[in-house]
Protein backbone atom coordinates (compact mmCIF):
# COMPACT_ATOMS: atom_id res chain seq x y z
CA MET A 1 46.57 -20.08 80.51
CA GLY A 2 48.55 -16.85 79.89
CA VAL A 3 51.66 -15.22 81.06
CA ARG A 4 51.59 -12.31 83.43
CA GLY A 5 54.18 -10.09 84.84
CA ILE A 6 54.72 -9.52 88.57
CA ARG A 7 56.64 -6.45 89.44
CA GLY A 8 58.65 -6.13 92.68
CA ALA A 9 61.45 -3.89 94.18
CA ILE A 10 63.37 -3.53 97.37
CA THR A 11 66.11 -1.34 98.55
CA VAL A 12 69.27 -2.20 100.45
CA GLU A 13 71.12 -0.14 103.07
CA GLN A 14 74.50 -1.51 102.13
CA ASP A 15 75.97 -3.02 99.11
CA THR A 16 77.13 -6.31 100.69
CA ARG A 17 76.76 -9.77 99.35
CA GLU A 18 74.72 -10.81 102.52
CA GLU A 19 72.38 -7.88 102.24
CA VAL A 20 71.80 -8.14 98.67
CA VAL A 21 70.98 -11.76 98.85
CA SER A 22 68.88 -11.61 101.91
CA ALA A 23 66.94 -8.58 100.40
CA THR A 24 66.42 -10.34 97.08
CA LYS A 25 65.21 -13.50 98.86
CA GLN A 26 62.79 -11.59 100.99
CA LEU A 27 61.26 -9.86 97.90
CA LEU A 28 60.92 -13.11 95.82
CA GLU A 29 59.37 -14.88 98.75
CA GLU A 30 56.90 -12.11 99.31
CA MET A 31 56.02 -11.97 95.54
CA VAL A 32 55.31 -15.73 95.22
CA GLN A 33 53.41 -15.86 98.53
CA ARG A 34 51.06 -12.91 97.72
CA ASN A 35 50.31 -14.27 94.25
CA GLY A 36 50.11 -18.05 95.13
CA VAL A 37 52.96 -18.85 92.71
CA GLU A 38 54.79 -22.24 92.62
CA PRO A 39 58.23 -22.47 91.21
CA ASP A 40 56.74 -24.43 88.01
CA ASP A 41 54.57 -21.42 87.32
CA ILE A 42 57.62 -19.12 86.80
CA ALA A 43 58.46 -18.66 83.14
CA SER A 44 61.49 -16.51 83.92
CA ILE A 45 62.76 -13.75 86.13
CA LEU A 46 64.76 -10.55 85.16
CA ILE A 47 66.41 -8.83 88.05
CA THR A 48 68.07 -5.32 87.83
CA THR A 49 70.08 -3.32 90.20
CA THR A 50 70.90 0.22 90.31
CA GLU A 51 74.63 1.01 89.39
CA ASP A 52 75.39 1.36 93.23
CA VAL A 53 74.54 -2.44 93.75
CA LYS A 54 77.42 -4.45 92.59
CA SER A 55 78.62 -6.75 95.37
CA THR A 56 77.02 -9.84 94.04
CA PHE A 57 74.29 -11.16 91.46
CA PRO A 58 70.91 -10.86 93.29
CA ALA A 59 69.88 -14.00 91.30
CA GLN A 60 71.90 -16.00 93.85
CA ALA A 61 68.99 -15.51 96.18
CA ALA A 62 66.79 -17.60 94.03
CA ARG A 63 69.11 -20.56 94.26
CA LEU A 64 68.58 -20.61 98.04
CA LEU A 65 64.66 -21.31 97.53
CA ASP A 66 63.51 -24.84 97.34
CA GLY A 67 62.38 -25.94 93.83
CA TRP A 68 63.85 -22.96 92.08
CA GLN A 69 66.87 -24.72 90.42
CA TYR A 70 65.13 -24.73 87.01
CA VAL A 71 63.83 -21.14 87.03
CA PRO A 72 65.49 -19.11 84.30
CA LEU A 73 67.05 -16.02 85.84
CA MET A 74 68.93 -13.11 84.35
CA CYS A 75 70.53 -10.10 86.13
CA ALA A 76 71.07 -6.60 84.40
CA ARG A 77 71.69 -2.99 85.21
CA GLU A 78 69.03 -0.16 85.52
CA ILE A 79 69.40 2.90 83.52
CA PRO A 80 71.31 5.39 85.64
CA VAL A 81 68.56 8.20 85.47
CA PRO A 82 69.68 11.25 87.57
CA GLY A 83 67.49 11.46 90.81
CA SER A 84 66.21 7.91 90.63
CA LEU A 85 65.92 5.78 93.72
CA PRO A 86 69.35 4.48 94.73
CA SER A 87 70.42 1.01 96.06
CA CYS A 88 67.35 -0.71 94.47
CA ILE A 89 66.81 -4.20 93.16
CA ARG A 90 63.93 -4.53 90.84
CA VAL A 91 62.31 -7.82 89.65
CA MET A 92 60.08 -8.60 86.75
CA MET A 93 58.77 -12.18 87.38
CA LEU A 94 56.87 -13.72 84.41
CA VAL A 95 54.52 -16.36 85.51
CA ASN A 96 52.12 -18.73 83.84
CA THR A 97 48.64 -18.04 85.33
CA ASP A 98 44.95 -17.62 84.74
CA LYS A 99 44.82 -14.55 86.86
CA THR A 100 43.74 -11.33 85.38
CA ALA A 101 46.17 -8.27 85.46
CA ALA A 102 44.03 -6.84 88.20
CA GLU A 103 44.45 -9.96 90.42
CA ILE A 104 48.20 -9.73 90.37
CA HIS A 105 49.76 -8.30 93.53
CA HIS A 106 52.93 -6.35 92.85
CA VAL A 107 55.36 -5.95 95.72
CA PHE A 108 57.38 -2.94 96.73
CA LEU A 109 59.29 -3.12 99.96
CA ARG A 110 61.35 -0.67 102.00
CA GLU A 111 62.16 2.55 100.08
CA ALA A 112 60.96 1.01 96.96
CA VAL A 113 57.43 1.87 98.00
CA LYS A 114 58.05 5.36 96.41
CA LEU A 115 58.34 3.73 92.91
CA ARG A 116 54.71 2.73 92.53
CA PRO A 117 52.57 4.13 95.46
CA ASP A 118 49.51 3.40 93.48
CA LEU A 119 50.19 -0.41 93.62
CA VAL A 120 51.17 -0.44 97.32
CA ASN A 121 48.55 -1.60 99.88
CA ARG A 122 46.13 -2.79 97.25
CA ASP A 123 45.51 -6.13 99.25
């Protein structure tokens, strides 16, 4: 068994604790559902936000999910590249899996579909 990365991203309309947590929870749930991932499969998760998302730690969303209490999480800030997509939460989920890279389903929701249109609607 190896380790694979699953990428995901979602945008928020407002920087509020409720919206950041809700959007992050939606993204995490979609990532595990599309890839058949169980909490014990997750090696770690890195979550980044653009500099305009600062109301709360998006990792709090994972604590709302059943069985995720031992999943290692870390939040960080995205590099503020001029012209980049604002109000964005990005996730890099490392999972233990036998799937090939081509079998991984990356998840981009809302305005974040602009980040990797080549990976959207592959299912």
